[in-house]
Amino acid sequence: MTNQNNQASKADVQTTDLNKLPVPGQNDTEFSAEEAAEVFQENQSSASTAEK
């Protein structure tokens, strides 16, 4: 009796997204200090208007 019907093939396993190696830098978020300062200032101004 063979058990191969209940097992995934090597090709199936290798093409499954969960089994792929992560790509270095794929999830890196890059932003400049200027962009961060701008967003920070916008959040500060919206927070101060909401408190009034």
C-alpha atoms as a PDB file:
ATOM      1  CA  MET A   1       0.000   0.000   0.000  1.00  0.00           C
ATOM      2  CA  THR A   2       1.495   3.330  -1.038  1.00  0.00           C
ATOM      3  CA  ASN A   3       1.030   6.563   0.827  1.00  0.00           C
ATOM      4  CA  GLN A   4       1.769   8.904  -2.060  1.00  0.00           C
ATOM      5  CA  ASN A   5      -1.840   9.886  -2.663  1.00  0.00           C
ATOM      6  CA  ASN A   6      -1.957  11.622   0.713  1.00  0.00           C
ATOM      7  CA  GLN A   7       1.257  13.592   0.252  1.00  0.00           C
ATOM      8  CA  ALA A   8       1.954  16.775  -1.664  1.00  0.00           C
ATOM      9  CA  SER A   9       4.423  16.540  -4.496  1.00  0.00           C
ATOM     10  CA  LYS A  10       7.774  18.278  -4.310  1.00  0.00           C
ATOM     11  CA  ALA A  11       6.591  20.804  -6.912  1.00  0.00           C
ATOM     12  CA  ASP A  12       3.479  21.582  -4.859  1.00  0.00           C
ATOM     13  CA  VAL A  13       5.540  22.205  -1.748  1.00  0.00           C
ATOM     14  CA  GLN A  14       8.106  24.377  -3.519  1.00  0.00           C
ATOM     15  CA  THR A  15       5.481  26.588  -5.157  1.00  0.00           C
ATOM     16  CA  THR A  16       3.486  27.192  -1.965  1.00  0.00           C
ATOM     17  CA  ASP A  17       3.793  30.856  -0.905  1.00  0.00           C
ATOM     18  CA  LEU A  18       4.307  29.959   2.751  1.00  0.00           C
ATOM     19  CA  ASN A  19       7.358  27.868   1.866  1.00  0.00           C
ATOM     20  CA  LYS A  20       9.167  30.578  -0.097  1.00  0.00           C
ATOM     21  CA  LEU A  21      12.199  32.302   1.373  1.00  0.00           C
ATOM     22  CA  PRO A  22      11.717  35.983   2.166  1.00  0.00           C
ATOM     23  CA  VAL A  23      13.241  38.481  -0.242  1.00  0.00           C
ATOM     24  CA  PRO A  24      15.743  40.702   1.593  1.00  0.00           C
ATOM     25  CA  GLY A  25      14.449  44.253   1.814  1.00  0.00           C
ATOM     26  CA  GLN A  26      10.979  43.437   0.519  1.00  0.00           C
ATOM     27  CA  ASN A  27       9.239  44.664   3.654  1.00  0.00           C
ATOM     28  CA  ASP A  28      11.579  47.570   4.342  1.00  0.00           C
ATOM     29  CA  THR A  29       9.853  50.891   4.682  1.00  0.00           C
ATOM     30  CA  GLU A  30      11.956  53.789   3.517  1.00  0.00           C
ATOM     31  CA  PHE A  31      11.087  57.391   4.203  1.00  0.00           C
ATOM     32  CA  SER A  32      13.107  60.527   4.653  1.00  0.00           C
ATOM     33  CA  ALA A  33      13.451  62.604   7.794  1.00  0.00           C
ATOM     34  CA  GLU A  34      11.688  65.432   5.960  1.00  0.00           C
ATOM     35  CA  GLU A  35       8.657  63.245   5.294  1.00  0.00           C
ATOM     36  CA  ALA A  36       8.603  62.093   8.914  1.00  0.00           C
ATOM     37  CA  ALA A  37       8.791  65.687  10.166  1.00  0.00           C
ATOM     38  CA  GLU A  38       5.981  66.728   7.840  1.00  0.00           C
ATOM     39  CA  VAL A  39       3.685  63.938   9.029  1.00  0.00           C
ATOM     40  CA  PHE A  40       4.590  64.665  12.636  1.00  0.00           C
ATOM     41  CA  GLN A  41       3.712  68.342  12.197  1.00  0.00           C
ATOM     42  CA  GLU A  42       0.407  67.448  10.524  1.00  0.00           C
ATOM     43  CA  ASN A  43      -0.476  65.116  13.385  1.00  0.00           C
ATOM     44  CA  GLN A  44       0.457  67.737  15.964  1.00  0.00           C
ATOM     45  CA  SER A  45      -1.687  70.390  14.287  1.00  0.00           C
ATOM     46  CA  SER A  46      -4.678  68.061  13.945  1.00  0.00           C
ATOM     47  CA  ALA A  47      -4.335  66.990  17.579  1.00  0.00           C
ATOM     48  CA  SER A  48      -4.257  70.585  18.792  1.00  0.00           C
ATOM     49  CA  THR A  49      -7.376  71.508  16.783  1.00  0.00           C
ATOM     50  CA  ALA A  50      -9.201  68.442  18.095  1.00  0.00           C
ATOM     51  CA  GLU A  51      -8.496  69.415  21.707  1.00  0.00           C
ATOM     52  CA  LYS A  52     -10.089  72.845  21.343  1.00  0.00           C
END
